[in-house]
Amino acid sequence: MHIRVIGAGVAGLTAALELAERGARVEVIDRGPHLGAAACSWCAGGMLAPWCERESADPTVAELGHRAIDWWLRRFPGTTRKGTLVIAQPRDVGELTHFARRTERFDWVDADQIADLEPDLQGRFHKGLFFADEAHLDPRSALTALAARLVELGVSLRFGVEAPTGDRDVDRTIDCRGFAAQGDLPDLRGVKGEMLLVKTREISLQRSVRLLHPRIPLYIVPRANGLFMIGATMIESSDRGRVTARSAVELLNGAYSVHPAFGEAEIIEFGADVRPAFPDNLPAIRECGRTIYFNGLYRHGFLLAPAFATQVADAVFHN
């Protein structure tokens, strides 16, 4: 069976891998000039936090998302499973209580326990929530690893290639173009996200840290070599433009309130892109002739892509 996957973001690569692992002959094409150039997942946080996401997401996100942790652990050795720490300033401790009521699979932690988990936060926070079973990864390293694995399996990856108008030369087409597919999926909307990548050796974090705030909640995700991803805004907009000054100031102020060392960090990158979302903020798989559309991952790309990629492969092989 010859399958063409359009789009080399997290949706396209996970779907391609599921199909290739089952024996399909797969090719992946992407309009960007190189891996990540046209994928909003290149700017993702990479948090595998299904139970934290219960606070504001549909229960389906946790039900399907928890499977992603094992999926990534099997396929990407850089996946780190050390949990998620959720904290708040003393004046915002009520946000922790609200968060706890809407989530599950966590433990309350006090100042000493926070210091044990993250020594560099000693004395800075007095109460928090620890989700021990959650994980995180570096999206760019993960996508690169998936692409390399696909090549090992004989999959052709071609960049700088526009989607063809027909699919007569393949058995099935898997359309994973994200927001670029809006012309075929009219109920798809764009949600802009902005992020900041900084570098500092003055602080070390072992896990994702979420700071709750009534107006500017944010997360900080550690990466290799002193890098930290700080994000992320959610703006109902399909404009892929640059990060706004307001967002940059809010992200930097939030990080500084977690630890002053972030005030001296080197800014490596500002990033912004548009996440594809359906009205219910849940992904969907839609079939139209020989084309399967896999889209709408919203802000849960790395968390939900594995489960839906498996569903895509099931649809291909069972139909």
C-alpha atoms as a PDB file:
ATOM      1  CA  MET A   1       0.000   0.000   0.000  1.00  0.00           C
ATOM      2  CA  HIS A   2       1.429   3.368  -1.083  1.00  0.00           C
ATOM      3  CA  ILE A   3       0.579   6.245   1.264  1.00  0.00           C
ATOM      4  CA  ARG A   4       1.389   9.921   0.823  1.00  0.00           C
ATOM      5  CA  VAL A   5       1.493  12.072   3.963  1.00  0.00           C
ATOM      6  CA  ILE A   6       1.248  15.811   3.401  1.00  0.00           C
ATOM      7  CA  GLY A   7       2.871  17.816   6.196  1.00  0.00           C
ATOM      8  CA  ALA A   8       5.955  17.051   8.278  1.00  0.00           C
ATOM      9  CA  GLY A   9       4.835  18.434  11.605  1.00  0.00           C
ATOM     10  CA  VAL A  10       4.066  16.269  14.608  1.00  0.00           C
ATOM     11  CA  ALA A  11       0.783  15.077  13.056  1.00  0.00           C
ATOM     12  CA  GLY A  12       2.357  14.072   9.756  1.00  0.00           C
ATOM     13  CA  LEU A  13       5.444  12.413  11.190  1.00  0.00           C
ATOM     14  CA  THR A  14       3.599  10.403  13.835  1.00  0.00           C
ATOM     15  CA  ALA A  15       1.052   9.242  11.250  1.00  0.00           C
ATOM     16  CA  ALA A  16       3.816   8.342   8.800  1.00  0.00           C
ATOM     17  CA  LEU A  17       5.642   6.360  11.468  1.00  0.00           C
ATOM     18  CA  GLU A  18       2.549   4.428  12.518  1.00  0.00           C
ATOM     19  CA  LEU A  19       1.888   3.556   8.880  1.00  0.00           C
ATOM     20  CA  ALA A  20       5.507   2.641   8.083  1.00  0.00           C
ATOM     21  CA  GLU A  21       5.781   0.458  11.167  1.00  0.00           C
ATOM     22  CA  ARG A  22       2.794  -1.517   9.892  1.00  0.00           C
ATOM     23  CA  GLY A  23       4.425  -2.120   6.528  1.00  0.00           C
ATOM     24  CA  ALA A  24       2.977   0.589   4.299  1.00  0.00           C
ATOM     25  CA  ARG A  25       5.127   2.266   1.649  1.00  0.00           C
ATOM     26  CA  VAL A  26       5.081   5.858   2.819  1.00  0.00           C
ATOM     27  CA  GLU A  27       6.277   9.158   1.425  1.00  0.00           C
ATOM     28  CA  VAL A  28       6.128  12.480   3.268  1.00  0.00           C
ATOM     29  CA  ILE A  29       6.024  15.832   1.502  1.00  0.00           C
ATOM     30  CA  ASP A  30       6.096  19.285   3.056  1.00  0.00           C
ATOM     31  CA  ARG A  31       5.898  22.761   1.571  1.00  0.00           C
ATOM     32  CA  GLY A  32       8.593  24.128   3.885  1.00  0.00           C
ATOM     33  CA  PRO A  33      12.221  24.190   2.708  1.00  0.00           C
ATOM     34  CA  HIS A  34      13.365  22.031   5.612  1.00  0.00           C
ATOM     35  CA  LEU A  35      12.080  20.174   8.667  1.00  0.00           C
ATOM     36  CA  GLY A  36      10.184  22.516  10.983  1.00  0.00           C
ATOM     37  CA  ALA A  37      10.009  25.476   8.612  1.00  0.00           C
ATOM     38  CA  ALA A  38       6.257  25.107   8.000  1.00  0.00           C
ATOM     39  CA  ALA A  39       5.232  23.279  11.200  1.00  0.00           C
ATOM     40  CA  CYS A  40       3.745  25.037  14.214  1.00  0.00           C
ATOM     41  CA  SER A  41       4.959  22.077  16.302  1.00  0.00           C
ATOM     42  CA  TRP A  42       8.514  23.436  15.862  1.00  0.00           C
ATOM     43  CA  CYS A  43       7.559  26.171  18.364  1.00  0.00           C
ATOM     44  CA  ALA A  44       5.722  23.856  20.771  1.00  0.00           C
ATOM     45  CA  GLY A  45       6.480  23.440  24.450  1.00  0.00           C
ATOM     46  CA  GLY A  46       6.689  19.662  24.328  1.00  0.00           C
ATOM     47  CA  MET A  47       4.889  19.047  27.609  1.00  0.00           C
ATOM     48  CA  LEU A  48       3.315  15.618  27.969  1.00  0.00           C
ATOM     49  CA  ALA A  49       0.982  16.689  30.735  1.00  0.00           C
ATOM     50  CA  PRO A  50      -2.400  14.991  30.315  1.00  0.00           C
ATOM     51  CA  TRP A  51      -3.532  15.492  33.903  1.00  0.00           C
ATOM     52  CA  CYS A  52      -2.510  19.134  34.102  1.00  0.00           C
ATOM     53  CA  GLU A  53      -4.434  19.740  30.894  1.00  0.00           C
ATOM     54  CA  ARG A  54      -7.617  18.494  32.589  1.00  0.00           C
ATOM     55  CA  GLU A  55      -7.829  21.927  34.201  1.00  0.00           C
ATOM     56  CA  SER A  56      -9.100  23.556  31.009  1.00  0.00           C
ATOM     57  CA  ALA A  57      -9.429  20.797  28.387  1.00  0.00           C
ATOM     58  CA  ASP A  58     -12.016  18.204  27.498  1.00  0.00           C
ATOM     59  CA  PRO A  59     -11.629  14.914  29.444  1.00  0.00           C
ATOM     60  CA  THR A  60     -10.715  13.253  26.138  1.00  0.00           C
ATOM     61  CA  VAL A  61      -7.346  15.041  26.284  1.00  0.00           C
ATOM     62  CA  ALA A  62      -6.371  13.185  29.447  1.00  0.00           C
ATOM     63  CA  GLU A  63      -7.966   9.907  28.377  1.00  0.00           C
ATOM     64  CA  LEU A  64      -6.000   9.771  25.117  1.00  0.00           C
ATOM     65  CA  GLY A  65      -3.050  11.918  26.105  1.00  0.00           C
ATOM     66  CA  HIS A  66      -1.652   9.673  28.821  1.00  0.00           C
ATOM     67  CA  ARG A  67      -0.847   7.071  26.150  1.00  0.00           C
ATOM     68  CA  ALA A  68       1.516   9.538  24.491  1.00  0.00           C
ATOM     69  CA  ILE A  69       4.058   9.306  27.304  1.00  0.00           C
ATOM     70  CA  ASP A  70       4.826   5.635  26.674  1.00  0.00           C
ATOM     71  CA  TRP A  71       4.631   6.187  22.890  1.00  0.00           C
ATOM     72  CA  TRP A  72       7.336   8.862  23.059  1.00  0.00           C
ATOM     73  CA  LEU A  73       9.447   6.947  25.583  1.00  0.00           C
ATOM     74  CA  ARG A  74       9.587   4.028  23.138  1.00  0.00           C
ATOM     75  CA  ARG A  75      10.450   6.138  20.117  1.00  0.00           C
ATOM     76  CA  PHE A  76      12.417   9.111  21.423  1.00  0.00           C
ATOM     77  CA  PRO A  77      15.058   8.464  24.109  1.00  0.00           C
ATOM     78  CA  GLY A  78      15.154  12.181  24.938  1.00  0.00           C
ATOM     79  CA  THR A  79      11.734  11.998  26.569  1.00  0.00           C
ATOM     80  CA  THR A  80      12.067  12.964  30.251  1.00  0.00           C
ATOM     81  CA  ARG A  81       9.572  11.604  32.760  1.00  0.00           C
ATOM     82  CA  LYS A  82      10.117  13.580  35.952  1.00  0.00           C
ATOM     83  CA  GLY A  83       6.675  15.053  36.390  1.00  0.00           C
ATOM     84  CA  THR A  84       5.288  18.584  36.293  1.00  0.00           C
ATOM     85  CA  LEU A  85       5.538  21.103  39.129  1.00  0.00           C
ATOM     86  CA  VAL A  86       2.724  23.649  39.378  1.00  0.00           C
ATOM     87  CA  ILE A  87       3.385  26.686  41.572  1.00  0.00           C
ATOM     88  CA  ALA A  88       1.923  30.082  42.383  1.00  0.00           C
ATOM     89  CA  GLN A  89       3.013  33.167  44.266  1.00  0.00           C
ATOM     90  CA  PRO A  90       1.565  33.433  47.816  1.00  0.00           C
ATOM     91  CA  ARG A  91      -0.931  36.079  46.697  1.00  0.00           C
ATOM     92  CA  ASP A  92      -2.212  33.691  44.009  1.00  0.00           C
ATOM     93  CA  VAL A  93      -2.454  30.542  46.121  1.00  0.00           C
ATOM     94  CA  GLY A  94      -6.177  30.426  45.379  1.00  0.00           C
ATOM     95  CA  GLU A  95      -5.259  29.625  41.770  1.00  0.00           C
ATOM     96  CA  LEU A  96      -3.670  26.381  43.003  1.00  0.00           C
ATOM     97  CA  THR A  97      -6.876  25.370  44.768  1.00  0.00           C
ATOM     98  CA  HIS A  98      -8.908  26.100  41.651  1.00  0.00           C
ATOM     99  CA  PHE A  99      -6.441  24.157  39.502  1.00  0.00           C
ATOM    100  CA  ALA A 100      -6.493  21.189  41.895  1.00  0.00           C
ATOM    101  CA  ARG A 101     -10.286  20.957  41.792  1.00  0.00           C
ATOM    102  CA  ARG A 102     -10.224  20.512  38.021  1.00  0.00           C
ATOM    103  CA  THR A 103      -7.307  18.069  37.733  1.00  0.00           C
ATOM    104  CA  GLU A 104      -6.194  14.709  39.079  1.00  0.00           C
ATOM    105  CA  ARG A 105      -3.207  12.450  39.853  1.00  0.00           C
ATOM    106  CA  PHE A 106      -1.199  15.025  41.787  1.00  0.00           C
ATOM    107  CA  ASP A 107       0.179  15.565  45.283  1.00  0.00           C
ATOM    108  CA  TRP A 108       0.191  18.798  47.241  1.00  0.00           C
ATOM    109  CA  VAL A 109       3.758  19.837  48.045  1.00  0.00           C
ATOM    110  CA  ASP A 110       5.080  22.335  50.592  1.00  0.00           C
ATOM    111  CA  ALA A 111       8.164  24.555  50.523  1.00  0.00           C
ATOM    112  CA  ASP A 112      10.558  21.777  51.592  1.00  0.00           C
ATOM    113  CA  GLN A 113       9.198  19.355  49.017  1.00  0.00           C
ATOM    114  CA  ILE A 114       9.433  21.996  46.289  1.00  0.00           C
ATOM    115  CA  ALA A 115      13.058  22.549  47.272  1.00  0.00           C
ATOM    116  CA  ASP A 116      13.702  18.803  47.092  1.00  0.00           C
ATOM    117  CA  LEU A 117      12.213  18.662  43.607  1.00  0.00           C
ATOM    118  CA  GLU A 118      13.846  21.846  42.324  1.00  0.00           C
ATOM    119  CA  PRO A 119      16.674  23.061  44.599  1.00  0.00           C
ATOM    120  CA  ASP A 120      16.994  26.370  42.745  1.00  0.00           C
ATOM    121  CA  LEU A 121      13.436  27.255  43.773  1.00  0.00           C
ATOM    122  CA  GLN A 122      14.207  26.848  47.486  1.00  0.00           C
ATOM    123  CA  GLY A 123      12.487  29.486  49.584  1.00  0.00           C
ATOM    124  CA  ARG A 124      10.656  31.027  46.643  1.00  0.00           C
ATOM    125  CA  PHE A 125       7.356  29.137  46.789  1.00  0.00           C
ATOM    126  CA  HIS A 126       5.474  27.712  49.761  1.00  0.00           C
ATOM    127  CA  LYS A 127       2.851  25.523  48.137  1.00  0.00           C
ATOM    128  CA  GLY A 128       2.418  23.679  44.863  1.00  0.00           C
ATOM    129  CA  LEU A 129       1.069  20.644  43.027  1.00  0.00           C
ATOM    130  CA  PHE A 130       3.279  17.846  41.754  1.00  0.00           C
ATOM    131  CA  PHE A 131       2.101  15.631  38.882  1.00  0.00           C
ATOM    132  CA  ALA A 132       4.686  12.851  39.182  1.00  0.00           C
ATOM    133  CA  ASP A 133       3.596  10.799  36.153  1.00  0.00           C
ATOM    134  CA  GLU A 134       3.922  13.525  33.531  1.00  0.00           C
ATOM    135  CA  ALA A 135       6.809  14.114  31.138  1.00  0.00           C
ATOM    136  CA  HIS A 136       8.320  16.536  28.644  1.00  0.00           C
ATOM    137  CA  LEU A 137      10.509  16.523  25.549  1.00  0.00           C
ATOM    138  CA  ASP A 138      12.269  18.902  23.181  1.00  0.00           C
ATOM    139  CA  PRO A 139       9.936  19.111  20.154  1.00  0.00           C
ATOM    140  CA  ARG A 140      12.707  19.930  17.691  1.00  0.00           C
ATOM    141  CA  SER A 141      14.850  17.010  18.775  1.00  0.00           C
ATOM    142  CA  ALA A 142      11.809  14.735  18.799  1.00  0.00           C
ATOM    143  CA  LEU A 143      10.744  15.692  15.269  1.00  0.00           C
ATOM    144  CA  THR A 144      14.312  15.255  14.051  1.00  0.00           C
ATOM    145  CA  ALA A 145      14.427  11.793  15.635  1.00  0.00           C
ATOM    146  CA  LEU A 146      11.120  10.795  14.026  1.00  0.00           C
ATOM    147  CA  ALA A 147      12.346  11.957  10.626  1.00  0.00           C
ATOM    148  CA  ALA A 148      15.557   9.957  11.028  1.00  0.00           C
ATOM    149  CA  ARG A 149      13.603   6.858  12.021  1.00  0.00           C
ATOM    150  CA  LEU A 150      11.363   7.240   8.990  1.00  0.00           C
ATOM    151  CA  VAL A 151      14.389   7.378   6.711  1.00  0.00           C
ATOM    152  CA  GLU A 152      15.685   4.192   8.338  1.00  0.00           C
ATOM    153  CA  LEU A 153      12.361   2.552   7.470  1.00  0.00           C
ATOM    154  CA  GLY A 154      12.716   3.585   3.835  1.00  0.00           C
ATOM    155  CA  VAL A 155      10.298   6.509   3.936  1.00  0.00           C
ATOM    156  CA  SER A 156      10.948   9.312   1.458  1.00  0.00           C
ATOM    157  CA  LEU A 157      10.868  12.809   2.989  1.00  0.00           C
ATOM    158  CA  ARG A 158      10.746  15.663   0.496  1.00  0.00           C
ATOM    159  CA  PHE A 159      10.717  19.335   1.428  1.00  0.00           C
ATOM    160  CA  GLY A 160       9.831  22.378  -0.635  1.00  0.00           C
ATOM    161  CA  VAL A 161       7.060  20.383  -2.315  1.00  0.00           C
ATOM    162  CA  GLU A 162       3.496  21.654  -2.621  1.00  0.00           C
ATOM    163  CA  ALA A 163       0.601  19.251  -2.187  1.00  0.00           C
ATOM    164  CA  PRO A 164      -0.488  17.783  -5.542  1.00  0.00           C
ATOM    165  CA  THR A 165      -4.023  18.403  -6.752  1.00  0.00           C
ATOM    166  CA  GLY A 166      -4.801  14.707  -7.230  1.00  0.00           C
ATOM    167  CA  ASP A 167      -3.930  11.419  -5.570  1.00  0.00           C
ATOM    168  CA  ARG A 168      -4.127   9.002  -8.495  1.00  0.00           C
ATOM    169  CA  ASP A 169      -0.519   7.862  -8.028  1.00  0.00           C
ATOM    170  CA  VAL A 170      -1.046   6.714  -4.405  1.00  0.00           C
ATOM    171  CA  ASP A 171      -3.531   4.471  -2.630  1.00  0.00           C
ATOM    172  CA  ARG A 172      -4.335   6.933   0.164  1.00  0.00           C
ATOM    173  CA  THR A 173      -3.381  10.489   1.083  1.00  0.00           C
ATOM    174  CA  ILE A 174      -3.068  11.620   4.701  1.00  0.00           C
ATOM    175  CA  ASP A 175      -3.504  15.401   4.845  1.00  0.00           C
ATOM    176  CA  CYS A 176      -1.726  16.823   7.906  1.00  0.00           C
ATOM    177  CA  ARG A 177      -1.216  20.407   6.727  1.00  0.00           C
ATOM    178  CA  GLY A 178      -2.497  22.063   9.880  1.00  0.00           C
ATOM    179  CA  PHE A 179      -4.009  25.512   9.374  1.00  0.00           C
ATOM    180  CA  ALA A 180      -2.934  25.456   5.719  1.00  0.00           C
ATOM    181  CA  ALA A 181      -5.807  23.002   5.125  1.00  0.00           C
ATOM    182  CA  GLN A 182      -8.460  25.555   6.065  1.00  0.00           C
ATOM    183  CA  GLY A 183      -9.615  25.737   2.443  1.00  0.00           C
ATOM    184  CA  ASP A 184     -10.708  22.097   2.686  1.00  0.00           C
ATOM    185  CA  LEU A 185     -11.775  22.272   6.346  1.00  0.00           C
ATOM    186  CA  PRO A 186     -13.830  25.476   6.681  1.00  0.00           C
ATOM    187  CA  ASP A 187     -14.517  25.041  10.400  1.00  0.00           C
ATOM    188  CA  LEU A 188     -10.780  25.071  11.160  1.00  0.00           C
ATOM    189  CA  ARG A 189      -9.579  28.218  12.911  1.00  0.00           C
ATOM    190  CA  GLY A 190      -6.188  29.554  13.900  1.00  0.00           C
ATOM    191  CA  VAL A 191      -4.992  30.120  17.468  1.00  0.00           C
ATOM    192  CA  LYS A 192      -1.739  32.022  17.650  1.00  0.00           C
ATOM    193  CA  GLY A 193       0.876  30.977  20.192  1.00  0.00           C
ATOM    194  CA  GLU A 194       4.013  32.890  21.131  1.00  0.00           C
ATOM    195  CA  MET A 195       7.102  31.533  22.856  1.00  0.00           C
ATOM    196  CA  LEU A 196      10.516  32.571  24.073  1.00  0.00           C
ATOM    197  CA  LEU A 197      13.733  30.533  24.135  1.00  0.00           C
ATOM    198  CA  VAL A 198      16.402  31.668  26.595  1.00  0.00           C
ATOM    199  CA  LYS A 199      19.745  30.369  27.825  1.00  0.00           C
ATOM    200  CA  THR A 200      21.200  30.599  31.308  1.00  0.00           C
ATOM    201  CA  ARG A 201      23.552  28.565  33.487  1.00  0.00           C
ATOM    202  CA  GLU A 202      22.400  30.309  36.679  1.00  0.00           C
ATOM    203  CA  ILE A 203      19.385  28.086  37.216  1.00  0.00           C
ATOM    204  CA  SER A 204      18.701  24.423  36.669  1.00  0.00           C
ATOM    205  CA  LEU A 205      15.265  22.811  36.383  1.00  0.00           C
ATOM    206  CA  GLN A 206      14.618  19.090  36.039  1.00  0.00           C
ATOM    207  CA  ARG A 207      11.015  19.219  34.900  1.00  0.00           C
ATOM    208  CA  SER A 208       8.354  21.477  33.437  1.00  0.00           C
ATOM    209  CA  VAL A 209       7.272  24.214  35.822  1.00  0.00           C
ATOM    210  CA  ARG A 210       3.904  25.936  35.488  1.00  0.00           C
ATOM    211  CA  LEU A 211       3.288  29.263  37.162  1.00  0.00           C
ATOM    212  CA  LEU A 212      -0.369  29.997  37.848  1.00  0.00           C
ATOM    213  CA  HIS A 213      -1.513  33.576  37.624  1.00  0.00           C
ATOM    214  CA  PRO A 214      -5.045  34.963  37.153  1.00  0.00           C
ATOM    215  CA  ARG A 215      -3.948  36.910  34.068  1.00  0.00           C
ATOM    216  CA  ILE A 216      -0.620  35.572  32.763  1.00  0.00           C
ATOM    217  CA  PRO A 217      -0.213  31.824  33.409  1.00  0.00           C
ATOM    218  CA  LEU A 218       2.948  30.443  31.841  1.00  0.00           C
ATOM    219  CA  TYR A 219       5.159  27.397  31.720  1.00  0.00           C
ATOM    220  CA  ILE A 220       8.905  26.910  31.626  1.00  0.00           C
ATOM    221  CA  VAL A 221      10.268  23.761  30.008  1.00  0.00           C
ATOM    222  CA  PRO A 222      13.957  22.863  30.427  1.00  0.00           C
ATOM    223  CA  ARG A 223      15.967  21.737  27.436  1.00  0.00           C
ATOM    224  CA  ALA A 224      19.589  20.723  26.977  1.00  0.00           C
ATOM    225  CA  ASN A 225      22.605  23.000  27.404  1.00  0.00           C
ATOM    226  CA  GLY A 226      20.970  25.579  29.660  1.00  0.00           C
ATOM    227  CA  LEU A 227      18.075  26.318  27.311  1.00  0.00           C
ATOM    228  CA  PHE A 228      14.557  27.001  28.553  1.00  0.00           C
ATOM    229  CA  MET A 229      11.373  27.362  26.550  1.00  0.00           C
ATOM    230  CA  ILE A 230       8.966  29.921  28.047  1.00  0.00           C
ATOM    231  CA  GLY A 231       5.395  30.053  26.787  1.00  0.00           C
ATOM    232  CA  ALA A 232       2.835  30.346  25.738  1.00  0.00           C
ATOM    233  CA  THR A 233       0.161  32.776  24.788  1.00  0.00           C
ATOM    234  CA  MET A 234      -3.165  31.811  23.205  1.00  0.00           C
ATOM    235  CA  ILE A 235      -4.575  34.442  20.887  1.00  0.00           C
ATOM    236  CA  GLU A 236      -7.610  33.873  18.673  1.00  0.00           C
ATOM    237  CA  SER A 237      -5.864  34.913  15.487  1.00  0.00           C
ATOM    238  CA  SER A 238      -4.615  33.322  12.269  1.00  0.00           C
ATOM    239  CA  ASP A 239      -1.797  35.863  11.938  1.00  0.00           C
ATOM    240  CA  ARG A 240       1.600  34.140  12.047  1.00  0.00           C
ATOM    241  CA  GLY A 241       3.289  37.494  12.684  1.00  0.00           C
ATOM    242  CA  ARG A 242       6.053  38.232  15.139  1.00  0.00           C
ATOM    243  CA  VAL A 243       5.769  38.092  18.922  1.00  0.00           C
ATOM    244  CA  THR A 244       4.180  41.269  20.257  1.00  0.00           C
ATOM    245  CA  ALA A 245       5.992  43.507  22.738  1.00  0.00           C
ATOM    246  CA  ARG A 246       3.220  42.947  25.297  1.00  0.00           C
ATOM    247  CA  SER A 247       3.540  39.171  25.094  1.00  0.00           C
ATOM    248  CA  ALA A 248       7.324  39.329  25.338  1.00  0.00           C
ATOM    249  CA  VAL A 249       7.150  41.519  28.437  1.00  0.00           C
ATOM    250  CA  GLU A 250       4.552  39.285  30.094  1.00  0.00           C
ATOM    251  CA  LEU A 251       6.505  36.080  29.403  1.00  0.00           C
ATOM    252  CA  LEU A 252       9.745  37.622  30.674  1.00  0.00           C
ATOM    253  CA  ASN A 253       8.074  39.059  33.770  1.00  0.00           C
ATOM    254  CA  GLY A 254       6.493  35.703  34.533  1.00  0.00           C
ATOM    255  CA  ALA A 255       9.795  33.868  34.184  1.00  0.00           C
ATOM    256  CA  TYR A 256      11.536  36.470  36.351  1.00  0.00           C
ATOM    257  CA  SER A 257       8.958  35.931  39.081  1.00  0.00           C
ATOM    258  CA  VAL A 258       9.811  32.212  39.051  1.00  0.00           C
ATOM    259  CA  HIS A 259      13.515  33.004  39.472  1.00  0.00           C
ATOM    260  CA  PRO A 260      15.447  36.299  39.058  1.00  0.00           C
ATOM    261  CA  ALA A 261      18.158  34.459  37.099  1.00  0.00           C
ATOM    262  CA  PHE A 262      15.859  34.572  34.107  1.00  0.00           C
ATOM    263  CA  GLY A 263      16.309  38.334  34.128  1.00  0.00           C
ATOM    264  CA  GLU A 264      19.952  37.840  33.116  1.00  0.00           C
ATOM    265  CA  ALA A 265      19.284  35.046  30.633  1.00  0.00           C
ATOM    266  CA  GLU A 266      20.364  35.344  27.009  1.00  0.00           C
ATOM    267  CA  ILE A 267      17.439  35.581  24.607  1.00  0.00           C
ATOM    268  CA  ILE A 268      17.987  32.997  21.896  1.00  0.00           C
ATOM    269  CA  GLU A 269      14.719  33.190  20.009  1.00  0.00           C
ATOM    270  CA  PHE A 270      11.245  34.657  19.930  1.00  0.00           C
ATOM    271  CA  GLY A 271       8.762  32.469  18.071  1.00  0.00           C
ATOM    272  CA  ALA A 272       5.140  32.668  16.978  1.00  0.00           C
ATOM    273  CA  ASP A 273       2.926  30.404  14.917  1.00  0.00           C
ATOM    274  CA  VAL A 274      -0.698  29.442  14.406  1.00  0.00           C
ATOM    275  CA  ARG A 275      -2.149  26.267  15.871  1.00  0.00           C
ATOM    276  CA  PRO A 276      -5.039  24.645  13.993  1.00  0.00           C
ATOM    277  CA  ALA A 277      -8.203  24.129  16.037  1.00  0.00           C
ATOM    278  CA  PHE A 278     -11.755  22.971  15.464  1.00  0.00           C
ATOM    279  CA  PRO A 279     -14.677  24.548  17.382  1.00  0.00           C
ATOM    280  CA  ASP A 280     -14.461  21.980  20.209  1.00  0.00           C
ATOM    281  CA  ASN A 281     -10.636  22.297  20.447  1.00  0.00           C
ATOM    282  CA  LEU A 282     -10.270  18.562  19.823  1.00  0.00           C
ATOM    283  CA  PRO A 283      -8.490  16.886  16.904  1.00  0.00           C
ATOM    284  CA  ALA A 284     -10.502  15.164  14.216  1.00  0.00           C
ATOM    285  CA  ILE A 285      -9.964  12.553  11.526  1.00  0.00           C
ATOM    286  CA  ARG A 286     -12.153  13.064   8.471  1.00  0.00           C
ATOM    287  CA  GLU A 287     -12.287  10.945   5.349  1.00  0.00           C
ATOM    288  CA  CYS A 288     -13.083  12.325   1.905  1.00  0.00           C
ATOM    289  CA  GLY A 289     -12.653   9.801  -0.862  1.00  0.00           C
ATOM    290  CA  ARG A 290      -9.100   8.458  -0.680  1.00  0.00           C
ATOM    291  CA  THR A 291      -7.951  11.377   1.481  1.00  0.00           C
ATOM    292  CA  ILE A 292      -7.875  11.285   5.275  1.00  0.00           C
ATOM    293  CA  TYR A 293      -7.618  14.654   7.014  1.00  0.00           C
ATOM    294  CA  PHE A 294      -5.826  14.572  10.368  1.00  0.00           C
ATOM    295  CA  ASN A 295      -6.005  18.028  11.894  1.00  0.00           C
ATOM    296  CA  GLY A 296      -7.040  20.277  14.790  1.00  0.00           C
ATOM    297  CA  LEU A 297      -4.398  19.340  17.363  1.00  0.00           C
ATOM    298  CA  TYR A 298      -4.722  22.855  18.863  1.00  0.00           C
ATOM    299  CA  ARG A 299      -2.293  23.177  21.779  1.00  0.00           C
ATOM    300  CA  HIS A 300      -2.031  19.426  22.374  1.00  0.00           C
ATOM    301  CA  GLY A 301       0.125  18.391  19.431  1.00  0.00           C
ATOM    302  CA  PHE A 302       2.725  16.160  21.067  1.00  0.00           C
ATOM    303  CA  LEU A 303       0.215  14.963  23.637  1.00  0.00           C
ATOM    304  CA  LEU A 304      -2.530  13.803  21.261  1.00  0.00           C
ATOM    305  CA  ALA A 305      -0.736  13.124  17.980  1.00  0.00           C
ATOM    306  CA  PRO A 306       0.254   9.518  18.875  1.00  0.00           C
ATOM    307  CA  ALA A 307      -3.298   8.407  19.709  1.00  0.00           C
ATOM    308  CA  PHE A 308      -4.781  10.007  16.594  1.00  0.00           C
ATOM    309  CA  ALA A 309      -1.931   8.794  14.381  1.00  0.00           C
ATOM    310  CA  THR A 310      -2.811   5.280  15.533  1.00  0.00           C
ATOM    311  CA  GLN A 311      -6.431   5.923  14.552  1.00  0.00           C
ATOM    312  CA  VAL A 312      -5.291   7.125  11.129  1.00  0.00           C
ATOM    313  CA  ALA A 313      -3.310   3.922  10.584  1.00  0.00           C
ATOM    314  CA  ASP A 314      -6.302   1.850  11.736  1.00  0.00           C
ATOM    315  CA  ALA A 315      -8.523   3.648   9.218  1.00  0.00           C
ATOM    316  CA  VAL A 316      -6.065   2.988   6.393  1.00  0.00           C
ATOM    317  CA  PHE A 317      -5.599  -0.705   7.082  1.00  0.00           C
ATOM    318  CA  HIS A 318      -9.164  -1.547   8.051  1.00  0.00           C
ATOM    319  CA  ASN A 319     -10.857   0.147   5.100  1.00  0.00           C
END
